[in-house]
Amino acid sequence: MKKEKTNLNYHFIFQYALFLFFICILILLFFPSLSFALGDPKLISTINSAFEDIEGWILKISTPAAAVAVGTGVFMKKFSFGDEEKIRTGKKLIKGSLFSYAFILAIDLILSAIKSLVS
């Protein structure tokens, strides 16, 4: 008889522990802010704002740089006076600068999409 009583105790303890485990999992899944610190740490928010500033500077600098590069390529083509090498160089400069500017804008869009998914 005593064995049956200890088995019942172990069975009850196991059920109780399993119940508490599932409750903890549910709390972690439905209330993730309770399992971690509330809000962003100060260092993370500082780093995020620094990256946003750098991103803004890159966008501000890349627009005039692309315009100057395209203008230089157009002038190289215009004033090549039939020299094939200068025409080819001007075309490469125009294509390269437009591709680089489009790439910078695409990265900005991709980072914005990722940021909206994460937040």
N, C-alpha and C. Protein backbone atom coordinates (compact mmCIF):
# COMPACT_ATOMS: atom_id res chain seq x y z
N MET A 1 0.80 -1.19 0.00
CA MET A 1 0.00 0.00 0.00
C MET A 1 0.85 1.27 0.00
N LYS A 2 1.94 1.19 0.72
CA LYS A 2 2.76 2.37 0.81
C LYS A 2 3.36 2.74 -0.55
N LYS A 3 3.67 1.73 -1.37
CA LYS A 3 4.22 2.01 -2.69
C LYS A 3 3.21 2.75 -3.55
N GLU A 4 1.96 2.39 -3.45
CA GLU A 4 0.94 3.04 -4.25
C GLU A 4 0.80 4.51 -3.84
N LYS A 5 0.95 4.78 -2.56
CA LYS A 5 0.83 6.16 -2.10
C LYS A 5 1.99 7.01 -2.60
N THR A 6 3.20 6.48 -2.62
CA THR A 6 4.34 7.22 -3.13
C THR A 6 4.22 7.42 -4.64
N ASN A 7 3.70 6.42 -5.35
CA ASN A 7 3.48 6.59 -6.78
C ASN A 7 2.46 7.69 -7.05
N LEU A 8 1.44 7.77 -6.21
CA LEU A 8 0.46 8.84 -6.36
C LEU A 8 1.09 10.20 -6.09
N ASN A 9 1.99 10.27 -5.13
CA ASN A 9 2.66 11.53 -4.83
C ASN A 9 3.55 11.96 -6.00
N TYR A 10 4.31 11.02 -6.55
CA TYR A 10 5.17 11.34 -7.69
C TYR A 10 4.32 11.72 -8.91
N HIS A 11 3.23 11.04 -9.10
CA HIS A 11 2.35 11.33 -10.21
C HIS A 11 1.75 12.74 -10.05
N PHE A 12 1.33 13.08 -8.82
CA PHE A 12 0.78 14.40 -8.57
C PHE A 12 1.84 15.49 -8.76
N ILE A 13 3.06 15.25 -8.29
CA ILE A 13 4.15 16.21 -8.44
C ILE A 13 4.49 16.39 -9.91
N PHE A 14 4.53 15.31 -10.66
CA PHE A 14 4.81 15.38 -12.09
C PHE A 14 3.74 16.19 -12.82
N GLN A 15 2.48 15.95 -12.52
CA GLN A 15 1.39 16.70 -13.16
C GLN A 15 1.46 18.18 -12.79
N TYR A 16 1.76 18.46 -11.55
CA TYR A 16 1.85 19.84 -11.09
C TYR A 16 3.01 20.55 -11.79
N ALA A 17 4.17 19.89 -11.91
CA ALA A 17 5.33 20.48 -12.59
C ALA A 17 5.04 20.69 -14.08
N LEU A 18 4.38 19.73 -14.70
CA LEU A 18 4.02 19.86 -16.11
C LEU A 18 3.05 21.01 -16.32
N PHE A 19 2.09 21.16 -15.42
CA PHE A 19 1.14 22.27 -15.50
C PHE A 19 1.86 23.61 -15.37
N LEU A 20 2.77 23.72 -14.41
CA LEU A 20 3.53 24.96 -14.25
C LEU A 20 4.41 25.26 -15.46
N PHE A 21 4.99 24.22 -16.04
CA PHE A 21 5.82 24.39 -17.24
C PHE A 21 4.99 24.97 -18.38
N PHE A 22 3.80 24.42 -18.62
CA PHE A 22 2.95 24.91 -19.70
C PHE A 22 2.48 26.34 -19.43
N ILE A 23 2.19 26.66 -18.19
CA ILE A 23 1.79 28.02 -17.84
C ILE A 23 2.94 29.00 -18.13
N CYS A 24 4.14 28.60 -17.77
CA CYS A 24 5.31 29.46 -18.04
C CYS A 24 5.52 29.66 -19.53
N ILE A 25 5.38 28.60 -20.31
CA ILE A 25 5.53 28.71 -21.76
C ILE A 25 4.47 29.63 -22.34
N LEU A 26 3.24 29.50 -21.89
CA LEU A 26 2.16 30.37 -22.38
C LEU A 26 2.43 31.83 -22.03
N ILE A 27 2.91 32.08 -20.83
CA ILE A 27 3.22 33.45 -20.44
C ILE A 27 4.33 34.02 -21.31
N LEU A 28 5.36 33.22 -21.59
CA LEU A 28 6.46 33.69 -22.42
C LEU A 28 6.01 33.94 -23.86
N LEU A 29 5.09 33.12 -24.36
CA LEU A 29 4.64 33.29 -25.74
C LEU A 29 3.70 34.47 -25.90
N PHE A 30 2.78 34.63 -24.98
CA PHE A 30 1.76 35.66 -25.15
C PHE A 30 2.16 37.01 -24.55
N PHE A 31 3.09 37.01 -23.64
CA PHE A 31 3.56 38.26 -23.05
C PHE A 31 5.09 38.31 -23.09
N PRO A 32 5.67 38.48 -24.28
CA PRO A 32 7.14 38.46 -24.35
C PRO A 32 7.78 39.62 -23.62
N SER A 33 7.06 40.71 -23.44
CA SER A 33 7.66 41.84 -22.73
C SER A 33 7.84 41.54 -21.24
N LEU A 34 7.11 40.57 -20.73
CA LEU A 34 7.28 40.20 -19.32
C LEU A 34 8.54 39.38 -19.10
N SER A 35 8.98 38.69 -20.15
CA SER A 35 10.13 37.82 -19.97
C SER A 35 11.45 38.55 -20.15
N PHE A 36 11.40 39.73 -20.71
CA PHE A 36 12.61 40.50 -20.94
C PHE A 36 12.44 41.88 -20.33
N ALA A 37 13.47 42.68 -20.43
CA ALA A 37 13.40 44.04 -19.89
C ALA A 37 12.38 44.85 -20.69
N LEU A 38 11.67 45.70 -20.02
CA LEU A 38 10.69 46.54 -20.69
C LEU A 38 11.40 47.64 -21.45
N GLY A 39 11.10 47.77 -22.76
CA GLY A 39 11.71 48.80 -23.58
C GLY A 39 13.11 48.42 -24.03
N ASP A 40 13.68 49.28 -24.84
CA ASP A 40 15.04 49.06 -25.34
C ASP A 40 16.05 49.61 -24.35
N PRO A 41 17.16 48.93 -24.20
CA PRO A 41 18.22 49.49 -23.36
C PRO A 41 18.76 50.78 -23.97
N LYS A 42 19.36 51.61 -23.16
CA LYS A 42 19.85 52.92 -23.62
C LYS A 42 20.93 52.77 -24.69
N LEU A 43 21.80 51.76 -24.58
CA LEU A 43 22.86 51.56 -25.55
C LEU A 43 22.28 51.19 -26.91
N ILE A 44 21.27 50.33 -26.94
CA ILE A 44 20.66 49.91 -28.21
C ILE A 44 19.98 51.09 -28.89
N SER A 45 19.26 51.90 -28.13
CA SER A 45 18.60 53.05 -28.74
C SER A 45 19.62 54.07 -29.24
N THR A 46 20.75 54.21 -28.55
CA THR A 46 21.81 55.12 -29.01
C THR A 46 22.43 54.61 -30.30
N ILE A 47 22.68 53.33 -30.38
CA ILE A 47 23.25 52.75 -31.60
C ILE A 47 22.26 52.87 -32.76
N ASN A 48 20.99 52.62 -32.50
CA ASN A 48 19.98 52.75 -33.56
C ASN A 48 19.90 54.17 -34.08
N SER A 49 19.93 55.14 -33.18
CA SER A 49 19.86 56.54 -33.64
C SER A 49 21.13 56.92 -34.40
N ALA A 50 22.29 56.39 -34.00
CA ALA A 50 23.53 56.68 -34.73
C ALA A 50 23.46 56.10 -36.15
N PHE A 51 22.96 54.88 -36.29
CA PHE A 51 22.84 54.29 -37.62
C PHE A 51 21.83 55.05 -38.48
N GLU A 52 20.77 55.56 -37.87
CA GLU A 52 19.80 56.35 -38.63
C GLU A 52 20.42 57.66 -39.09
N ASP A 53 21.26 58.28 -38.26
CA ASP A 53 21.95 59.50 -38.67
C ASP A 53 22.91 59.23 -39.82
N ILE A 54 23.67 58.13 -39.73
CA ILE A 54 24.61 57.78 -40.79
C ILE A 54 23.86 57.49 -42.09
N GLU A 55 22.74 56.80 -41.99
CA GLU A 55 21.93 56.51 -43.17
C GLU A 55 21.43 57.80 -43.82
N GLY A 56 21.01 58.76 -43.01
CA GLY A 56 20.56 60.05 -43.54
C GLY A 56 21.68 60.80 -44.24
N TRP A 57 22.88 60.77 -43.65
CA TRP A 57 24.01 61.44 -44.28
C TRP A 57 24.37 60.80 -45.61
N ILE A 58 24.35 59.48 -45.65
CA ILE A 58 24.69 58.78 -46.90
C ILE A 58 23.69 59.14 -48.00
N LEU A 59 22.42 59.20 -47.66
CA LEU A 59 21.41 59.58 -48.65
C LEU A 59 21.58 61.02 -49.10
N LYS A 60 21.92 61.92 -48.16
CA LYS A 60 22.11 63.32 -48.52
C LYS A 60 23.34 63.53 -49.40
N ILE A 61 24.37 62.74 -49.16
CA ILE A 61 25.61 62.88 -49.94
C ILE A 61 25.49 62.18 -51.30
N SER A 62 24.77 61.07 -51.34
CA SER A 62 24.74 60.28 -52.58
C SER A 62 23.96 60.95 -53.70
N THR A 63 22.96 61.75 -53.38
CA THR A 63 22.17 62.40 -54.43
C THR A 63 23.00 63.39 -55.23
N PRO A 64 23.68 64.35 -54.60
CA PRO A 64 24.51 65.25 -55.43
C PRO A 64 25.69 64.54 -56.08
N ALA A 65 26.24 63.53 -55.40
CA ALA A 65 27.37 62.80 -55.99
C ALA A 65 26.95 62.09 -57.27
N ALA A 66 25.76 61.48 -57.26
CA ALA A 66 25.26 60.81 -58.46
C ALA A 66 24.99 61.83 -59.55
N ALA A 67 24.45 63.00 -59.19
CA ALA A 67 24.17 64.03 -60.20
C ALA A 67 25.47 64.53 -60.83
N VAL A 68 26.49 64.74 -60.02
CA VAL A 68 27.78 65.19 -60.56
C VAL A 68 28.39 64.12 -61.47
N ALA A 69 28.30 62.86 -61.07
CA ALA A 69 28.87 61.79 -61.88
C ALA A 69 28.13 61.65 -63.22
N VAL A 70 26.79 61.74 -63.19
CA VAL A 70 26.03 61.66 -64.45
C VAL A 70 26.35 62.86 -65.33
N GLY A 71 26.44 64.05 -64.73
CA GLY A 71 26.79 65.24 -65.51
C GLY A 71 28.17 65.13 -66.13
N THR A 72 29.12 64.61 -65.38
CA THR A 72 30.47 64.42 -65.91
C THR A 72 30.47 63.43 -67.06
N GLY A 73 29.69 62.34 -66.92
CA GLY A 73 29.60 61.37 -68.01
C GLY A 73 28.96 61.95 -69.25
N VAL A 74 27.94 62.77 -69.06
CA VAL A 74 27.28 63.41 -70.21
C VAL A 74 28.24 64.36 -70.91
N PHE A 75 28.99 65.17 -70.13
CA PHE A 75 29.94 66.09 -70.73
C PHE A 75 31.08 65.34 -71.42
N MET A 76 31.49 64.20 -70.86
CA MET A 76 32.54 63.41 -71.53
C MET A 76 32.06 62.90 -72.87
N LYS A 77 30.81 62.45 -72.92
CA LYS A 77 30.27 61.98 -74.20
C LYS A 77 30.11 63.15 -75.18
N LYS A 78 29.64 64.29 -74.68
CA LYS A 78 29.36 65.44 -75.53
C LYS A 78 30.64 66.02 -76.13
N PHE A 79 31.67 66.11 -75.30
CA PHE A 79 32.92 66.73 -75.75
C PHE A 79 34.01 65.70 -76.06
N SER A 80 33.60 64.54 -76.52
CA SER A 80 34.58 63.52 -76.87
C SER A 80 35.17 63.75 -78.25
N PHE A 81 34.45 64.48 -79.10
CA PHE A 81 34.87 64.78 -80.46
C PHE A 81 35.22 63.51 -81.24
N GLY A 82 34.38 62.49 -81.06
CA GLY A 82 34.53 61.26 -81.83
C GLY A 82 35.50 60.25 -81.24
N ASP A 83 36.13 60.54 -80.14
CA ASP A 83 37.06 59.60 -79.51
C ASP A 83 36.25 58.48 -78.84
N GLU A 84 36.41 57.25 -79.34
CA GLU A 84 35.62 56.12 -78.84
C GLU A 84 35.91 55.80 -77.37
N GLU A 85 37.15 55.99 -76.96
CA GLU A 85 37.51 55.70 -75.57
C GLU A 85 36.79 56.64 -74.61
N LYS A 86 36.70 57.92 -74.94
CA LYS A 86 36.01 58.88 -74.08
C LYS A 86 34.50 58.62 -74.08
N ILE A 87 33.95 58.22 -75.21
CA ILE A 87 32.52 57.89 -75.27
C ILE A 87 32.22 56.69 -74.39
N ARG A 88 33.05 55.65 -74.49
CA ARG A 88 32.87 54.45 -73.67
C ARG A 88 33.02 54.78 -72.18
N THR A 89 34.01 55.60 -71.86
CA THR A 89 34.22 55.98 -70.46
C THR A 89 33.04 56.79 -69.94
N GLY A 90 32.50 57.69 -70.74
CA GLY A 90 31.34 58.48 -70.34
C GLY A 90 30.12 57.60 -70.10
N LYS A 91 29.89 56.62 -71.00
CA LYS A 91 28.76 55.69 -70.82
C LYS A 91 28.93 54.86 -69.55
N LYS A 92 30.16 54.37 -69.31
CA LYS A 92 30.42 53.60 -68.09
C LYS A 92 30.18 54.44 -66.84
N LEU A 93 30.58 55.70 -66.90
CA LEU A 93 30.41 56.58 -65.75
C LEU A 93 28.94 56.83 -65.47
N ILE A 94 28.15 57.04 -66.53
CA ILE A 94 26.71 57.26 -66.35
C ILE A 94 26.04 56.01 -65.79
N LYS A 95 26.32 54.86 -66.39
CA LYS A 95 25.70 53.61 -65.94
C LYS A 95 26.11 53.27 -64.50
N GLY A 96 27.37 53.43 -64.21
CA GLY A 96 27.86 53.11 -62.87
C GLY A 96 27.28 54.00 -61.80
N SER A 97 27.18 55.29 -62.09
CA SER A 97 26.64 56.20 -61.08
C SER A 97 25.15 55.98 -60.87
N LEU A 98 24.40 55.73 -61.94
CA LEU A 98 22.97 55.46 -61.78
C LEU A 98 22.74 54.14 -61.04
N PHE A 99 23.55 53.12 -61.35
CA PHE A 99 23.43 51.84 -60.65
C PHE A 99 23.76 52.01 -59.17
N SER A 100 24.80 52.76 -58.86
CA SER A 100 25.19 52.95 -57.46
C SER A 100 24.12 53.72 -56.69
N TYR A 101 23.55 54.74 -57.31
CA TYR A 101 22.50 55.52 -56.64
C TYR A 101 21.25 54.66 -56.42
N ALA A 102 20.89 53.85 -57.43
CA ALA A 102 19.73 52.95 -57.28
C ALA A 102 20.00 51.93 -56.17
N PHE A 103 21.22 51.44 -56.07
CA PHE A 103 21.58 50.48 -55.03
C PHE A 103 21.46 51.11 -53.65
N ILE A 104 21.90 52.35 -53.50
CA ILE A 104 21.79 53.03 -52.20
C ILE A 104 20.33 53.23 -51.82
N LEU A 105 19.50 53.62 -52.79
CA LEU A 105 18.08 53.79 -52.50
C LEU A 105 17.41 52.46 -52.18
N ALA A 106 17.81 51.39 -52.88
CA ALA A 106 17.22 50.08 -52.62
C ALA A 106 17.60 49.59 -51.22
N ILE A 107 18.83 49.82 -50.80
CA ILE A 107 19.25 49.42 -49.45
C ILE A 107 18.44 50.18 -48.41
N ASP A 108 18.18 51.46 -48.65
CA ASP A 108 17.36 52.23 -47.73
C ASP A 108 15.95 51.64 -47.62
N LEU A 109 15.38 51.25 -48.75
CA LEU A 109 14.05 50.63 -48.72
C LEU A 109 14.05 49.29 -48.01
N ILE A 110 15.08 48.48 -48.26
CA ILE A 110 15.17 47.17 -47.62
C ILE A 110 15.33 47.31 -46.11
N LEU A 111 16.19 48.24 -45.67
CA LEU A 111 16.38 48.45 -44.24
C LEU A 111 15.09 48.97 -43.59
N SER A 112 14.36 49.82 -44.28
CA SER A 112 13.09 50.31 -43.74
C SER A 112 12.08 49.17 -43.60
N ALA A 113 12.05 48.27 -44.60
CA ALA A 113 11.13 47.12 -44.53
C ALA A 113 11.49 46.19 -43.38
N ILE A 114 12.78 45.94 -43.20
CA ILE A 114 13.23 45.08 -42.10
C ILE A 114 12.91 45.72 -40.77
N LYS A 115 13.12 47.03 -40.67
CA LYS A 115 12.84 47.73 -39.41
C LYS A 115 11.35 47.69 -39.08
N SER A 116 10.49 47.81 -40.10
CA SER A 116 9.06 47.75 -39.84
C SER A 116 8.61 46.34 -39.46
N LEU A 117 9.27 45.32 -39.99
CA LEU A 117 8.93 43.95 -39.61
C LEU A 117 9.38 43.63 -38.19
N VAL A 118 10.52 44.13 -37.80
CA VAL A 118 11.05 43.84 -36.47
C VAL A 118 10.30 44.59 -35.39
N SER A 119 9.94 45.86 -35.66
CA SER A 119 9.27 46.64 -34.62
C SER A 119 7.80 46.39 -34.55
